[in-house]
């Protein structure tokens, strides 16, 4: 058994992130001590590897949770995909290193941008997502998204992030107030209309992710100001009765 601190040092995953994974039911410890400390066994560490794989494939945590808890989840296939993805990334990095060495040695002669080509990685990631991303919500999102043009997609995302800008302007209000809770309803309706059916359960999970750190939190705080992601998370908890 390893403590949460030992797992963090071993894997590079922060203690805060491990605690968050436990909170949302993505990665439960094998057991807890009488004092409430988390303990992880080999099975939990193996599951953490699977989670990190799908994070490399840029899956949202909600989809990762659906995948790794499926009865037909193939661990060997997941590991094969991780190996292939890392080999592709290694090749991409080696090409960039070679280009930099060439520039240092000979300077800029011909403008060659082939080293920046990440199409192999993108294609592999796309194929992996097609294989694993067969949750009902992901399928619904894919179905809706393929009907949109690039400009429509960009406009939709602008409108989506605008909602968080509006949340930011409400940060000084009571998160349980009618106006703020109505804004949560607008967020839920927008997700249902443009992405997938956003039940209260899904909305609650999204709220946890918004305040969980990383890219989600950074982008929301960028739109609404520092603390917006945490504020949105609080308003969603109230809306969903958590």
Protein backbone atom coordinates (compact mmCIF):
# COMPACT_ATOMS: atom_id res chain seq x y z
CA UNK A 1 0.00 0.00 0.00
CA UNK A 2 1.16 3.52 -0.79
CA UNK A 3 0.00 6.77 0.78
CA UNK A 4 -1.32 9.62 -1.34
CA UNK A 5 1.97 11.46 -0.80
CA UNK A 6 3.98 8.45 -2.03
CA UNK A 7 1.74 8.04 -5.08
CA UNK A 8 2.15 11.73 -5.88
CA UNK A 9 5.96 11.47 -5.73
CA UNK A 10 5.93 8.25 -7.76
CA UNK A 11 3.64 9.44 -10.54
CA UNK A 12 4.06 13.22 -10.61
CA UNK A 13 0.30 13.62 -10.11
CA UNK A 14 -0.34 16.25 -7.45
CA UNK A 15 -1.94 15.33 -4.12
CA UNK A 16 -4.71 17.81 -4.87
CA UNK A 17 -5.46 16.06 -8.17
CA UNK A 18 -5.54 12.62 -6.52
CA UNK A 19 -7.93 13.95 -3.90
CA UNK A 20 -10.10 15.40 -6.66
CA UNK A 21 -10.13 12.09 -8.56
CA UNK A 22 -11.34 10.41 -5.37
CA UNK A 23 -13.98 13.08 -4.84
CA UNK A 24 -15.54 12.60 -8.30
CA UNK A 25 -15.29 8.80 -8.15
CA UNK A 26 -12.70 8.52 -10.90
CA UNK A 27 -9.96 6.91 -8.78
CA UNK A 28 -10.87 5.58 -5.37
CA UNK A 29 -8.11 4.54 -2.94
CA UNK A 30 -7.97 0.86 -2.03
CA UNK A 31 -8.81 1.85 1.54
CA UNK A 32 -8.62 4.61 4.12
CA UNK A 33 -6.79 4.55 7.43
CA UNK A 34 -8.66 5.21 10.67
CA UNK A 35 -7.35 8.77 10.42
CA UNK A 36 -8.83 9.14 6.93
CA UNK A 37 -5.58 8.92 4.96
CA UNK A 38 -5.87 7.45 1.46
CA UNK A 39 -4.00 4.22 0.66
CA UNK A 40 -3.44 2.94 -2.88
CA UNK A 41 -2.67 -0.64 -3.97
CA UNK A 42 -1.26 -1.90 -7.30
CA UNK A 43 -4.74 -2.10 -8.85
CA UNK A 44 -5.36 1.58 -8.07
CA UNK A 45 -1.97 2.53 -9.55
CA UNK A 46 -2.75 0.54 -12.69
CA UNK A 47 -6.05 2.40 -13.02
CA UNK A 48 -4.19 5.70 -12.57
CA UNK A 49 -1.98 4.74 -15.52
CA UNK A 50 -5.10 4.19 -17.62
CA UNK A 51 -6.48 7.57 -16.58
CA UNK A 52 -3.23 9.32 -17.53
CA UNK A 53 -3.30 7.57 -20.91
CA UNK A 54 -6.67 9.02 -21.77
CA UNK A 55 -5.58 12.42 -20.49
CA UNK A 56 -2.73 12.19 -23.04
CA UNK A 57 -5.43 11.53 -25.63
CA UNK A 58 -7.15 14.74 -24.41
CA UNK A 59 -10.35 13.09 -23.16
CA UNK A 60 -12.33 15.07 -20.55
CA UNK A 61 -12.41 13.48 -17.11
CA UNK A 62 -16.11 12.70 -17.38
CA UNK A 63 -15.52 10.53 -20.46
CA UNK A 64 -12.44 8.90 -18.87
CA UNK A 65 -14.57 7.88 -15.90
CA UNK A 66 -17.16 6.31 -18.21
CA UNK A 67 -14.49 4.43 -20.16
CA UNK A 68 -12.32 2.95 -17.40
CA UNK A 69 -15.35 1.70 -15.48
CA UNK A 70 -16.88 -0.08 -18.47
CA UNK A 71 -17.18 -3.85 -18.22
CA UNK A 72 -15.64 -4.31 -21.69
CA UNK A 73 -12.61 -2.07 -21.07
CA UNK A 74 -9.53 -3.72 -22.64
CA UNK A 75 -6.46 -2.85 -20.56
CA UNK A 76 -4.03 -4.45 -23.03
CA UNK A 77 -5.42 -2.48 -25.95
CA UNK A 78 -5.22 0.72 -23.90
CA UNK A 79 -1.56 0.02 -23.14
CA UNK A 80 -0.82 -0.66 -26.82
CA UNK A 81 -2.34 2.69 -27.69
CA UNK A 82 -0.26 4.44 -25.04
CA UNK A 83 2.93 2.94 -26.46
CA UNK A 84 2.02 3.98 -29.99
CA UNK A 85 1.12 7.51 -28.94
CA UNK A 86 4.39 7.96 -27.02
CA UNK A 87 6.41 6.66 -29.97
CA UNK A 88 4.71 9.16 -32.25
CA UNK A 89 5.41 11.98 -29.80
CA UNK A 90 9.03 10.83 -29.49
CA UNK A 91 9.42 10.94 -33.27
CA UNK A 92 7.87 14.41 -33.34
CA UNK A 93 10.23 15.73 -30.64
CA UNK A 94 13.29 14.16 -32.32
CA UNK A 95 12.36 15.91 -35.58
CA UNK A 96 12.16 19.24 -33.75
CA UNK A 97 15.54 18.63 -32.07
CA UNK A 98 17.14 17.78 -35.42
CA UNK A 99 15.71 20.94 -36.97
CA UNK A 100 17.07 23.09 -34.11
CA UNK A 101 20.52 21.52 -34.42
CA UNK A 102 20.50 22.15 -38.15
CA UNK A 103 19.56 25.78 -37.58
CA UNK A 104 22.32 26.18 -35.01
CA UNK A 105 24.89 24.61 -37.32
CA UNK A 106 23.99 26.15 -40.65
CA UNK A 107 21.52 28.92 -39.90
CA UNK A 108 18.28 29.55 -41.78
CA UNK A 109 18.60 28.64 -45.45
CA UNK A 110 15.35 27.12 -46.60
CA UNK A 111 12.11 27.65 -44.73
CA UNK A 112 11.19 24.08 -43.79
CA UNK A 113 8.27 23.56 -41.43
CA UNK A 114 7.90 19.78 -41.72
CA UNK A 115 9.31 19.26 -38.21
CA UNK A 116 6.26 21.04 -36.83
CA UNK A 117 3.86 18.62 -38.51
CA UNK A 118 1.90 16.80 -35.81
CA UNK A 119 -0.63 15.23 -38.18
CA UNK A 120 0.39 11.67 -37.24
CA UNK A 121 -0.29 12.36 -33.58
CA UNK A 122 -3.55 14.11 -34.43
CA UNK A 123 -4.69 11.23 -36.61
CA UNK A 124 -3.82 8.64 -33.97
CA UNK A 125 -5.63 10.61 -31.28
CA UNK A 126 -8.66 10.90 -33.56
CA UNK A 127 -8.73 7.14 -34.15
CA UNK A 128 -8.38 6.39 -30.45
CA UNK A 129 -11.19 8.76 -29.59
CA UNK A 130 -13.39 7.12 -32.21
CA UNK A 131 -12.72 3.76 -30.60
CA UNK A 132 -13.13 4.68 -26.93
CA UNK A 133 -15.39 7.67 -27.12
CA UNK A 134 -18.60 5.73 -27.61
CA UNK A 135 -20.46 6.97 -24.58
CA UNK A 136 -23.95 8.25 -25.48
CA UNK A 137 -22.93 11.84 -24.69
CA UNK A 138 -19.79 11.63 -26.84
CA UNK A 139 -21.76 10.16 -29.75
CA UNK A 140 -24.36 12.90 -29.45
CA UNK A 141 -21.63 15.56 -29.42
CA UNK A 142 -19.93 14.02 -32.47
CA UNK A 143 -23.24 13.89 -34.33
CA UNK A 144 -23.98 17.54 -33.62
CA UNK A 145 -20.44 18.71 -34.24
CA UNK A 146 -20.02 17.14 -37.67
CA UNK A 147 -22.97 19.18 -38.94
CA UNK A 148 -21.26 22.45 -38.02
CA UNK A 149 -18.88 24.44 -40.18
CA UNK A 150 -15.59 25.73 -38.75
CA UNK A 151 -17.01 29.24 -38.43
CA UNK A 152 -20.16 27.94 -36.73
CA UNK A 153 -18.03 25.94 -34.29
CA UNK A 154 -15.91 29.00 -33.47
CA UNK A 155 -19.02 31.15 -33.01
CA UNK A 156 -20.56 28.52 -30.73
CA UNK A 157 -17.44 28.34 -28.54
CA UNK A 158 -17.35 32.15 -28.33
CA UNK A 159 -20.95 32.14 -27.10
CA UNK A 160 -20.14 29.34 -24.67
CA UNK A 161 -17.22 31.20 -23.11
CA UNK A 162 -19.33 34.36 -23.00
CA UNK A 163 -21.48 32.58 -20.39
CA UNK A 164 -18.45 32.39 -18.08
CA UNK A 165 -17.70 36.05 -18.67
CA UNK A 166 -21.25 36.75 -17.45
CA UNK A 167 -20.65 34.52 -14.43
CA UNK A 168 -17.55 36.59 -13.69
CA UNK A 169 -19.63 39.75 -13.51
CA UNK A 170 -21.80 38.05 -10.87
CA UNK A 171 -19.02 36.90 -8.53
CA UNK A 172 -19.99 39.44 -5.84
CA UNK A 173 -23.57 38.15 -5.72
CA UNK A 174 -25.00 35.36 -3.61
CA UNK A 175 -24.47 32.15 -5.63
CA UNK A 176 -27.94 31.02 -4.53
CA UNK A 177 -29.65 34.18 -5.84
CA UNK A 178 -32.27 33.89 -8.57
CA UNK A 179 -30.16 35.74 -11.15
CA UNK A 180 -27.09 33.55 -10.61
CA UNK A 181 -29.08 30.32 -10.57
CA UNK A 182 -30.82 31.41 -13.78
CA UNK A 183 -27.35 31.78 -15.30
CA UNK A 184 -26.59 28.16 -14.34
CA UNK A 185 -29.80 27.13 -16.10
CA UNK A 186 -28.63 29.02 -19.20
CA UNK A 187 -25.32 27.13 -19.07
CA UNK A 188 -27.05 23.77 -18.78
CA UNK A 189 -29.44 24.59 -21.64
CA UNK A 190 -26.55 25.73 -23.85
CA UNK A 191 -24.63 22.49 -23.28
CA UNK A 192 -27.73 20.41 -24.01
CA UNK A 193 -28.47 22.33 -27.20
CA UNK A 194 -24.96 22.41 -28.61
CA UNK A 195 -23.05 19.47 -27.08
CA UNK A 196 -25.08 16.69 -25.43
CA UNK A 197 -27.98 16.15 -23.03
CA UNK A 198 -26.67 17.83 -19.87
CA UNK A 199 -28.42 16.17 -16.94
CA UNK A 200 -27.96 17.50 -13.41
CA UNK A 201 -25.54 14.64 -12.76
CA UNK A 202 -23.40 15.59 -15.75
CA UNK A 203 -23.61 19.29 -14.87
CA UNK A 204 -22.46 18.49 -11.34
CA UNK A 205 -19.41 16.63 -12.71
CA UNK A 206 -18.62 19.54 -15.03
CA UNK A 207 -18.78 21.92 -12.08
CA UNK A 208 -16.19 19.83 -10.26
CA UNK A 209 -13.92 19.89 -13.31
CA UNK A 210 -14.29 23.64 -13.78
CA UNK A 211 -12.74 24.24 -10.34
CA UNK A 212 -10.34 21.30 -10.46
CA UNK A 213 -7.36 23.22 -11.82
CA UNK A 214 -5.67 22.95 -15.20
CA UNK A 215 -6.92 24.18 -18.54
CA UNK A 216 -10.62 24.29 -17.61
CA UNK A 217 -10.00 26.56 -14.62
CA UNK A 218 -7.49 28.75 -16.46
CA UNK A 219 -9.79 29.39 -19.45
CA UNK A 220 -12.82 30.18 -17.30
CA UNK A 221 -10.83 32.53 -15.05
CA UNK A 222 -9.41 34.16 -18.18
CA UNK A 223 -12.95 34.99 -19.31
CA UNK A 224 -14.51 36.02 -16.01
CA UNK A 225 -11.54 36.97 -13.87
CA UNK A 226 -9.74 35.09 -11.12
CA UNK A 227 -12.06 33.01 -8.98
CA UNK A 228 -14.77 32.65 -11.63
CA UNK A 229 -14.27 28.90 -12.06
CA UNK A 230 -14.63 28.31 -8.32
CA UNK A 231 -17.70 30.57 -8.25
CA UNK A 232 -19.32 28.67 -11.13
CA UNK A 233 -18.60 25.39 -9.35
CA UNK A 234 -20.34 26.66 -6.21
CA UNK A 235 -23.39 27.87 -8.15
CA UNK A 236 -23.69 24.49 -9.90
CA UNK A 237 -23.56 22.64 -6.58
CA UNK A 238 -26.47 24.74 -5.32
CA UNK A 239 -28.39 24.28 -8.58
CA UNK A 240 -27.93 20.50 -8.48
CA UNK A 241 -28.70 20.28 -4.77
CA UNK A 242 -25.24 18.97 -3.81
